Amino acid sequence: MAFIYWSRASLAVFVSLVNVVFGLTDILGLVVGVGVYLSSYYVYRHLLKIRPEEVGGTTKLYTIGVGAYSLLLLFLWTLFYTISTVGF
């Protein structure tokens, strides 16, 4: 379970960087973020062969790390965007 949590947190960092680098703002960046999160379920389920029963069911596999992912995505997206526009 820790692997799923931390890999989704890492995905949030990656997606926030991608959103800033490619200039994805507003709803398009949010759609990319949600799409990556939802597709991570299928990566865990089919590519990494993690069965939902191993983590407590399908719902649990969907929801592990959702809080960390969403908060990190919003915070880092804002931070990276601010740094890219203001500069250092």
C-alpha atoms as a PDB file:
ATOM      1  CA  MET A   1       0.000   0.000   0.000  1.00  0.00           C
ATOM      2  CA  ALA A   2       2.855   2.378   0.691  1.00  0.00           C
ATOM      3  CA  PHE A   3       4.106   1.896  -2.859  1.00  0.00           C
ATOM      4  CA  ILE A   4       0.775   3.010  -4.298  1.00  0.00           C
ATOM      5  CA  TYR A   5       0.584   6.014  -1.978  1.00  0.00           C
ATOM      6  CA  TRP A   6       4.085   7.287  -2.699  1.00  0.00           C
ATOM      7  CA  SER A   7       3.937   6.579  -6.406  1.00  0.00           C
ATOM      8  CA  ARG A   8       0.749   8.637  -6.668  1.00  0.00           C
ATOM      9  CA  ALA A   9       2.407  11.419  -4.688  1.00  0.00           C
ATOM     10  CA  SER A  10       5.312  11.267  -7.151  1.00  0.00           C
ATOM     11  CA  LEU A  11       2.858  11.377 -10.032  1.00  0.00           C
ATOM     12  CA  ALA A  12       1.445  14.604  -8.607  1.00  0.00           C
ATOM     13  CA  VAL A  13       4.894  16.182  -8.704  1.00  0.00           C
ATOM     14  CA  PHE A  14       5.398  15.004 -12.285  1.00  0.00           C
ATOM     15  CA  VAL A  15       1.963  16.160 -13.482  1.00  0.00           C
ATOM     16  CA  SER A  16       2.345  19.584 -11.898  1.00  0.00           C
ATOM     17  CA  LEU A  17       5.681  20.024 -13.684  1.00  0.00           C
ATOM     18  CA  VAL A  18       4.201  18.863 -16.986  1.00  0.00           C
ATOM     19  CA  ASN A  19       1.296  21.296 -16.587  1.00  0.00           C
ATOM     20  CA  VAL A  20       3.671  24.225 -16.110  1.00  0.00           C
ATOM     21  CA  VAL A  21       6.168  23.217 -18.802  1.00  0.00           C
ATOM     22  CA  PHE A  22       3.456  22.764 -21.426  1.00  0.00           C
ATOM     23  CA  GLY A  23       1.431  25.757 -20.251  1.00  0.00           C
ATOM     24  CA  LEU A  24      -1.637  23.749 -19.305  1.00  0.00           C
ATOM     25  CA  THR A  25      -3.720  26.099 -17.218  1.00  0.00           C
ATOM     26  CA  ASP A  26      -7.271  26.152 -15.942  1.00  0.00           C
ATOM     27  CA  ILE A  27      -9.513  23.238 -16.822  1.00  0.00           C
ATOM     28  CA  LEU A  28      -7.123  21.513 -19.238  1.00  0.00           C
ATOM     29  CA  GLY A  29      -4.454  21.094 -16.560  1.00  0.00           C
ATOM     30  CA  LEU A  30      -7.059  19.820 -14.133  1.00  0.00           C
ATOM     31  CA  VAL A  31      -8.322  17.299 -16.694  1.00  0.00           C
ATOM     32  CA  VAL A  32      -4.767  16.053 -17.217  1.00  0.00           C
ATOM     33  CA  GLY A  33      -4.320  15.693 -13.458  1.00  0.00           C
ATOM     34  CA  VAL A  34      -7.560  13.769 -12.990  1.00  0.00           C
ATOM     35  CA  GLY A  35      -6.857  11.649 -16.068  1.00  0.00           C
ATOM     36  CA  VAL A  36      -3.427  10.639 -14.823  1.00  0.00           C
ATOM     37  CA  TYR A  37      -4.834   9.770 -11.401  1.00  0.00           C
ATOM     38  CA  LEU A  38      -7.615   7.622 -12.853  1.00  0.00           C
ATOM     39  CA  SER A  39      -5.265   5.917 -15.291  1.00  0.00           C
ATOM     40  CA  SER A  40      -2.921   5.036 -12.422  1.00  0.00           C
ATOM     41  CA  TYR A  41      -5.570   2.557 -11.243  1.00  0.00           C
ATOM     42  CA  TYR A  42      -5.288   0.664 -14.512  1.00  0.00           C
ATOM     43  CA  VAL A  43      -1.493   0.765 -14.379  1.00  0.00           C
ATOM     44  CA  TYR A  44      -1.512  -0.776 -10.910  1.00  0.00           C
ATOM     45  CA  ARG A  45      -4.243  -3.245 -11.773  1.00  0.00           C
ATOM     46  CA  HIS A  46      -3.105  -4.492 -15.165  1.00  0.00           C
ATOM     47  CA  LEU A  47       0.541  -3.610 -15.702  1.00  0.00           C
ATOM     48  CA  LEU A  48       1.798  -4.133 -12.148  1.00  0.00           C
ATOM     49  CA  LYS A  49      -0.690  -6.950 -11.473  1.00  0.00           C
ATOM     50  CA  ILE A  50      -1.843  -5.591  -8.106  1.00  0.00           C
ATOM     51  CA  ARG A  51      -5.130  -7.253  -7.226  1.00  0.00           C
ATOM     52  CA  PRO A  52      -7.703  -5.117  -5.386  1.00  0.00           C
ATOM     53  CA  GLU A  53      -8.048  -7.854  -2.761  1.00  0.00           C
ATOM     54  CA  GLU A  54      -4.408  -7.291  -1.780  1.00  0.00           C
ATOM     55  CA  VAL A  55      -5.150  -3.722  -0.664  1.00  0.00           C
ATOM     56  CA  GLY A  56      -8.705  -4.019   0.601  1.00  0.00           C
ATOM     57  CA  GLY A  57     -10.907  -3.912  -2.464  1.00  0.00           C
ATOM     58  CA  THR A  58     -11.466  -1.928  -5.637  1.00  0.00           C
ATOM     59  CA  THR A  59     -12.572   1.197  -3.805  1.00  0.00           C
ATOM     60  CA  LYS A  60      -9.464   1.137  -1.659  1.00  0.00           C
ATOM     61  CA  LEU A  61      -7.240   0.776  -4.728  1.00  0.00           C
ATOM     62  CA  TYR A  62      -8.905   3.844  -6.240  1.00  0.00           C
ATOM     63  CA  THR A  63      -8.699   5.955  -3.089  1.00  0.00           C
ATOM     64  CA  ILE A  64      -5.218   5.206  -1.737  1.00  0.00           C
ATOM     65  CA  GLY A  65      -3.302   8.462  -1.973  1.00  0.00           C
ATOM     66  CA  VAL A  66      -6.127  10.606  -3.347  1.00  0.00           C
ATOM     67  CA  GLY A  67      -5.629  13.262  -0.678  1.00  0.00           C
ATOM     68  CA  ALA A  68      -1.872  13.436  -1.100  1.00  0.00           C
ATOM     69  CA  TYR A  69      -2.194  13.462  -4.881  1.00  0.00           C
ATOM     70  CA  SER A  70      -4.780  16.223  -5.058  1.00  0.00           C
ATOM     71  CA  LEU A  71      -3.166  18.489  -2.460  1.00  0.00           C
ATOM     72  CA  LEU A  72       0.334  18.048  -3.865  1.00  0.00           C
ATOM     73  CA  LEU A  73      -0.912  18.608  -7.390  1.00  0.00           C
ATOM     74  CA  LEU A  74      -2.636  21.875  -6.531  1.00  0.00           C
ATOM     75  CA  PHE A  75       0.135  23.162  -4.269  1.00  0.00           C
ATOM     76  CA  LEU A  76       3.040  22.282  -6.565  1.00  0.00           C
ATOM     77  CA  TRP A  77       1.243  23.367  -9.710  1.00  0.00           C
ATOM     78  CA  THR A  78       0.694  26.769  -8.105  1.00  0.00           C
ATOM     79  CA  LEU A  79       4.261  26.926  -6.813  1.00  0.00           C
ATOM     80  CA  PHE A  80       5.880  25.918 -10.114  1.00  0.00           C
ATOM     81  CA  TYR A  81       3.632  28.252 -12.086  1.00  0.00           C
ATOM     82  CA  THR A  82       4.491  31.155  -9.796  1.00  0.00           C
ATOM     83  CA  ILE A  83       8.205  30.425 -10.061  1.00  0.00           C
ATOM     84  CA  SER A  84       7.974  30.181 -13.851  1.00  0.00           C
ATOM     85  CA  THR A  85       6.155  33.504 -14.240  1.00  0.00           C
ATOM     86  CA  VAL A  86       8.010  35.509 -11.582  1.00  0.00           C
ATOM     87  CA  GLY A  87      11.353  33.809 -11.984  1.00  0.00           C
ATOM     88  CA  PHE A  88      14.301  33.641  -9.632  1.00  0.00           C
END
